[in-house]
Amino acid sequence: MHSTSLVKIPAHVLELLSVQHDHIDELLARVRVDQRREHVDELADYVTAHLAIEQELLYPRLDARISDAVRVELLAEHQEIKRVLANLLWLDLDDQRVAPTLASLEALFEGHSVWQDEELFESLAQTMSPTALAELGDTVNAGFDRMRGADLAA
C-alpha cells in the first residue's frame, strides 16, 4: 500500500525537488520509528523515482552548469544510495543489520539533499530564468508522476 497526500505542486523544479527531499526525510523517519514492510517499500519506490528523474530529466539539462566530475560524483552517489536501499529491501525487518543499513541510507541521502539544496539549487536559481525553472519543474513533475504511477500500478 502506498500513501498519497495532497501537496501543493511547487512553482518550479528547485521547490519540487526540495519538497521531494523533505518527503524522503519523512519516509526515512517513518521507517526508523515503525519498521513495517509497507513503509520500506514506499521509501524504496519514492527514492527510486526521485533518483531516476534527477538522472533522466534534471542532470541532462544541466550540461553547461555542472562539470563532468560533478556529474560522475552525483551518479556514483545515486548508485550507492540504490545499493544500500536494495540491501535494506532484502533484509528481514527483525534483522540486526536493519538499523545500521537504515542509518547508512539516511547519511547518504542527507549528503545528497544538503549538497543539492545548498550548492546545486543555489547555482541553478542564479543561472536559470524563472520561466526555465518552471518549465523544468513541469517536466520533472510529470516524469515523477509517470514513474510513480507505474510503481503504483505494479
C-alpha atoms as a PDB file:
ATOM      1  CA  MET A   1       0.000   0.000   0.000  1.00  0.00           C
ATOM      2  CA  HIS A   2       1.298   3.438  -0.889  1.00  0.00           C
ATOM      3  CA  SER A   3       0.227   6.606   0.813  1.00  0.00           C
ATOM      4  CA  THR A   4      -0.514   9.707  -1.140  1.00  0.00           C
ATOM      5  CA  SER A   5      -1.106  13.168   0.147  1.00  0.00           C
ATOM      6  CA  LEU A   6      -2.465  16.280  -1.401  1.00  0.00           C
ATOM      7  CA  VAL A   7       0.515  18.578  -1.691  1.00  0.00           C
ATOM      8  CA  LYS A   8       0.579  21.912  -3.443  1.00  0.00           C
ATOM      9  CA  ILE A   9       2.650  21.435  -6.587  1.00  0.00           C
ATOM     10  CA  PRO A  10       5.687  23.700  -6.274  1.00  0.00           C
ATOM     11  CA  ALA A  11       6.173  26.536  -8.718  1.00  0.00           C
ATOM     12  CA  HIS A  12       9.491  25.359 -10.124  1.00  0.00           C
ATOM     13  CA  VAL A  13      11.937  22.482 -10.205  1.00  0.00           C
ATOM     14  CA  LEU A  14      14.002  23.602  -7.217  1.00  0.00           C
ATOM     15  CA  GLU A  15      10.942  23.789  -4.972  1.00  0.00           C
ATOM     16  CA  LEU A  16       9.679  20.452  -6.323  1.00  0.00           C
ATOM     17  CA  LEU A  17      12.940  18.653  -5.588  1.00  0.00           C
ATOM     18  CA  SER A  18      13.202  20.262  -2.147  1.00  0.00           C
ATOM     19  CA  VAL A  19       9.681  19.059  -1.336  1.00  0.00           C
ATOM     20  CA  GLN A  20      10.689  15.567  -2.500  1.00  0.00           C
ATOM     21  CA  HIS A  21      13.814  15.682  -0.307  1.00  0.00           C
ATOM     22  CA  ASP A  22      11.651  16.630   2.681  1.00  0.00           C
ATOM     23  CA  HIS A  23       9.224  13.795   1.911  1.00  0.00           C
ATOM     24  CA  ILE A  24      12.084  11.290   1.702  1.00  0.00           C
ATOM     25  CA  ASP A  25      13.291  12.512   5.105  1.00  0.00           C
ATOM     26  CA  GLU A  26       9.767  11.879   6.445  1.00  0.00           C
ATOM     27  CA  LEU A  27       9.705   8.401   4.903  1.00  0.00           C
ATOM     28  CA  LEU A  28      13.108   7.566   6.413  1.00  0.00           C
ATOM     29  CA  ALA A  29      11.860   8.700   9.834  1.00  0.00           C
ATOM     30  CA  ARG A  30       8.702   6.615   9.423  1.00  0.00           C
ATOM     31  CA  VAL A  31      10.774   3.512   8.650  1.00  0.00           C
ATOM     32  CA  ARG A  32      13.102   4.217  11.593  1.00  0.00           C
ATOM     33  CA  VAL A  33      10.165   4.530  14.021  1.00  0.00           C
ATOM     34  CA  ASP A  34       7.893   1.836  12.593  1.00  0.00           C
ATOM     35  CA  GLN A  35       9.823  -0.771  10.641  1.00  0.00           C
ATOM     36  CA  ARG A  36       6.967  -2.218   8.650  1.00  0.00           C
ATOM     37  CA  ARG A  37       7.477  -3.694   5.191  1.00  0.00           C
ATOM     38  CA  GLU A  38       4.986  -1.305   3.560  1.00  0.00           C
ATOM     39  CA  HIS A  39       6.979   1.696   4.845  1.00  0.00           C
ATOM     40  CA  VAL A  40      10.215   0.271   3.457  1.00  0.00           C
ATOM     41  CA  ASP A  41       8.508  -0.461   0.127  1.00  0.00           C
ATOM     42  CA  GLU A  42       7.079   3.059  -0.076  1.00  0.00           C
ATOM     43  CA  LEU A  43      10.501   4.528   0.709  1.00  0.00           C
ATOM     44  CA  ALA A  44      12.137   2.373  -1.968  1.00  0.00           C
ATOM     45  CA  ASP A  45       9.557   3.312  -4.610  1.00  0.00           C
ATOM     46  CA  TYR A  46       9.756   7.021  -3.857  1.00  0.00           C
ATOM     47  CA  VAL A  47      13.559   7.216  -3.649  1.00  0.00           C
ATOM     48  CA  THR A  48      13.932   5.191  -6.847  1.00  0.00           C
ATOM     49  CA  ALA A  49      11.578   7.513  -8.739  1.00  0.00           C
ATOM     50  CA  HIS A  50      13.264  10.609  -7.279  1.00  0.00           C
ATOM     51  CA  LEU A  51      16.752   9.488  -8.294  1.00  0.00           C
ATOM     52  CA  ALA A  52      15.526   8.426 -11.732  1.00  0.00           C
ATOM     53  CA  ILE A  53      14.015  11.833 -12.511  1.00  0.00           C
ATOM     54  CA  GLU A  54      17.200  13.537 -11.412  1.00  0.00           C
ATOM     55  CA  GLN A  55      19.283  11.285 -13.646  1.00  0.00           C
ATOM     56  CA  GLU A  56      16.969  11.215 -16.643  1.00  0.00           C
ATOM     57  CA  LEU A  57      15.331  14.640 -16.614  1.00  0.00           C
ATOM     58  CA  LEU A  58      17.347  17.053 -14.464  1.00  0.00           C
ATOM     59  CA  TYR A  59      21.045  16.315 -14.892  1.00  0.00           C
ATOM     60  CA  PRO A  60      20.977  16.044 -18.714  1.00  0.00           C
ATOM     61  CA  ARG A  61      19.519  19.560 -18.881  1.00  0.00           C
ATOM     62  CA  LEU A  62      22.314  20.977 -16.770  1.00  0.00           C
ATOM     63  CA  ASP A  63      25.232  20.152 -19.062  1.00  0.00           C
ATOM     64  CA  ALA A  64      26.692  23.649 -19.041  1.00  0.00           C
ATOM     65  CA  ARG A  65      26.042  24.148 -15.344  1.00  0.00           C
ATOM     66  CA  ILE A  66      27.741  21.087 -13.823  1.00  0.00           C
ATOM     67  CA  SER A  67      31.127  19.658 -14.687  1.00  0.00           C
ATOM     68  CA  ASP A  68      31.731  16.100 -15.815  1.00  0.00           C
ATOM     69  CA  ALA A  69      33.452  15.423 -12.473  1.00  0.00           C
ATOM     70  CA  VAL A  70      30.374  16.597 -10.552  1.00  0.00           C
ATOM     71  CA  ARG A  71      28.075  14.546 -12.802  1.00  0.00           C
ATOM     72  CA  VAL A  72      30.205  11.427 -12.205  1.00  0.00           C
ATOM     73  CA  GLU A  73      30.116  12.059  -8.447  1.00  0.00           C
ATOM     74  CA  LEU A  74      26.333  12.540  -8.487  1.00  0.00           C
ATOM     75  CA  LEU A  75      25.778   9.307 -10.392  1.00  0.00           C
ATOM     76  CA  ALA A  76      28.139   7.422  -8.048  1.00  0.00           C
ATOM     77  CA  GLU A  77      26.195   8.820  -5.101  1.00  0.00           C
ATOM     78  CA  HIS A  78      22.935   7.645  -6.675  1.00  0.00           C
ATOM     79  CA  GLN A  79      24.420   4.168  -7.186  1.00  0.00           C
ATOM     80  CA  GLU A  80      25.457   3.973  -3.536  1.00  0.00           C
ATOM     81  CA  ILE A  81      22.028   5.115  -2.331  1.00  0.00           C
ATOM     82  CA  LYS A  82      20.374   2.470  -4.538  1.00  0.00           C
ATOM     83  CA  ARG A  83      22.821  -0.218  -3.339  1.00  0.00           C
ATOM     84  CA  VAL A  84      22.103   0.493   0.335  1.00  0.00           C
ATOM     85  CA  LEU A  85      18.368   0.723  -0.377  1.00  0.00           C
ATOM     86  CA  ALA A  86      18.493  -2.676  -2.113  1.00  0.00           C
ATOM     87  CA  ASN A  87      20.288  -4.130   0.924  1.00  0.00           C
ATOM     88  CA  LEU A  88      17.524  -2.760   3.151  1.00  0.00           C
ATOM     89  CA  LEU A  89      14.863  -4.316   0.925  1.00  0.00           C
ATOM     90  CA  TRP A  90      16.484  -7.747   1.150  1.00  0.00           C
ATOM     91  CA  LEU A  91      16.728  -7.775   4.937  1.00  0.00           C
ATOM     92  CA  ASP A  92      14.084  -9.218   7.208  1.00  0.00           C
ATOM     93  CA  LEU A  93      12.933  -6.275   9.297  1.00  0.00           C
ATOM     94  CA  ASP A  94      13.845  -8.045  12.536  1.00  0.00           C
ATOM     95  CA  ASP A  95      17.435  -8.496  11.309  1.00  0.00           C
ATOM     96  CA  GLN A  96      20.018  -6.670  13.441  1.00  0.00           C
ATOM     97  CA  ARG A  97      21.501  -5.175  10.245  1.00  0.00           C
ATOM     98  CA  VAL A  98      18.385  -3.078   9.547  1.00  0.00           C
ATOM     99  CA  ALA A  99      19.312  -0.231  11.923  1.00  0.00           C
ATOM    100  CA  PRO A 100      22.869   0.296  10.592  1.00  0.00           C
ATOM    101  CA  THR A 101      21.692  -0.080   6.990  1.00  0.00           C
ATOM    102  CA  LEU A 102      18.964   2.492   7.561  1.00  0.00           C
ATOM    103  CA  ALA A 103      21.463   4.818   9.278  1.00  0.00           C
ATOM    104  CA  SER A 104      23.777   4.489   6.280  1.00  0.00           C
ATOM    105  CA  LEU A 105      20.914   5.279   3.899  1.00  0.00           C
ATOM    106  CA  GLU A 106      19.929   8.313   5.980  1.00  0.00           C
ATOM    107  CA  ALA A 107      23.504   9.623   5.968  1.00  0.00           C
ATOM    108  CA  LEU A 108      23.871   9.124   2.216  1.00  0.00           C
ATOM    109  CA  PHE A 109      20.590  10.823   1.468  1.00  0.00           C
ATOM    110  CA  GLU A 110      21.338  13.695   3.834  1.00  0.00           C
ATOM    111  CA  GLY A 111      24.596  14.344   1.978  1.00  0.00           C
ATOM    112  CA  HIS A 112      22.739  14.141  -1.315  1.00  0.00           C
ATOM    113  CA  SER A 113      19.984  16.565  -0.373  1.00  0.00           C
ATOM    114  CA  VAL A 114      22.159  19.034   1.555  1.00  0.00           C
ATOM    115  CA  TRP A 115      24.617  19.394  -1.336  1.00  0.00           C
ATOM    116  CA  GLN A 116      21.806  19.850  -3.841  1.00  0.00           C
ATOM    117  CA  ASP A 117      19.887  22.303  -1.668  1.00  0.00           C
ATOM    118  CA  GLU A 118      22.933  24.393  -0.742  1.00  0.00           C
ATOM    119  CA  GLU A 119      25.103  24.147  -3.854  1.00  0.00           C
ATOM    120  CA  LEU A 120      23.318  22.949  -6.978  1.00  0.00           C
ATOM    121  CA  PHE A 121      19.962  24.607  -6.381  1.00  0.00           C
ATOM    122  CA  GLU A 122      21.559  27.897  -5.396  1.00  0.00           C
ATOM    123  CA  SER A 123      23.598  27.858  -8.609  1.00  0.00           C
ATOM    124  CA  LEU A 124      20.567  26.996 -10.731  1.00  0.00           C
ATOM    125  CA  ALA A 125      18.492  29.734  -9.105  1.00  0.00           C
ATOM    126  CA  GLN A 126      21.175  32.218 -10.142  1.00  0.00           C
ATOM    127  CA  THR A 127      21.724  30.932 -13.682  1.00  0.00           C
ATOM    128  CA  MET A 128      18.262  29.867 -14.886  1.00  0.00           C
ATOM    129  CA  SER A 129      15.314  32.127 -15.546  1.00  0.00           C
ATOM    130  CA  PRO A 130      12.136  31.664 -13.510  1.00  0.00           C
ATOM    131  CA  THR A 131      10.412  30.535 -16.708  1.00  0.00           C
ATOM    132  CA  ALA A 132      13.072  27.895 -17.388  1.00  0.00           C
ATOM    133  CA  LEU A 133      12.877  26.689 -13.778  1.00  0.00           C
ATOM    134  CA  ALA A 134       9.082  26.455 -14.015  1.00  0.00           C
ATOM    135  CA  GLU A 135       9.210  24.579 -17.337  1.00  0.00           C
ATOM    136  CA  LEU A 136      11.783  22.149 -15.969  1.00  0.00           C
ATOM    137  CA  GLY A 137       9.594  21.747 -12.874  1.00  0.00           C
ATOM    138  CA  ASP A 138       6.631  20.801 -15.063  1.00  0.00           C
ATOM    139  CA  THR A 139       8.761  18.248 -16.929  1.00  0.00           C
ATOM    140  CA  VAL A 140      10.211  16.775 -13.751  1.00  0.00           C
ATOM    141  CA  ASN A 141       6.806  16.670 -12.022  1.00  0.00           C
ATOM    142  CA  ALA A 142       5.176  14.914 -14.982  1.00  0.00           C
ATOM    143  CA  GLY A 143       8.053  12.424 -15.165  1.00  0.00           C
ATOM    144  CA  PHE A 144       7.852  11.738 -11.445  1.00  0.00           C
ATOM    145  CA  ASP A 145       4.089  11.223 -11.629  1.00  0.00           C
ATOM    146  CA  ARG A 146       4.575   8.848 -14.571  1.00  0.00           C
ATOM    147  CA  MET A 147       7.202   6.838 -12.702  1.00  0.00           C
ATOM    148  CA  ARG A 148       5.176   6.741  -9.512  1.00  0.00           C
ATOM    149  CA  GLY A 149       2.069   5.782 -11.485  1.00  0.00           C
ATOM    150  CA  ALA A 150       3.968   2.852 -12.961  1.00  0.00           C
ATOM    151  CA  ASP A 151       5.176   1.919  -9.450  1.00  0.00           C
ATOM    152  CA  LEU A 152       1.671   2.084  -8.043  1.00  0.00           C
ATOM    153  CA  ALA A 153       0.237   0.007 -10.899  1.00  0.00           C
ATOM    154  CA  ALA A 154       2.845  -2.733 -10.437  1.00  0.00           C
END
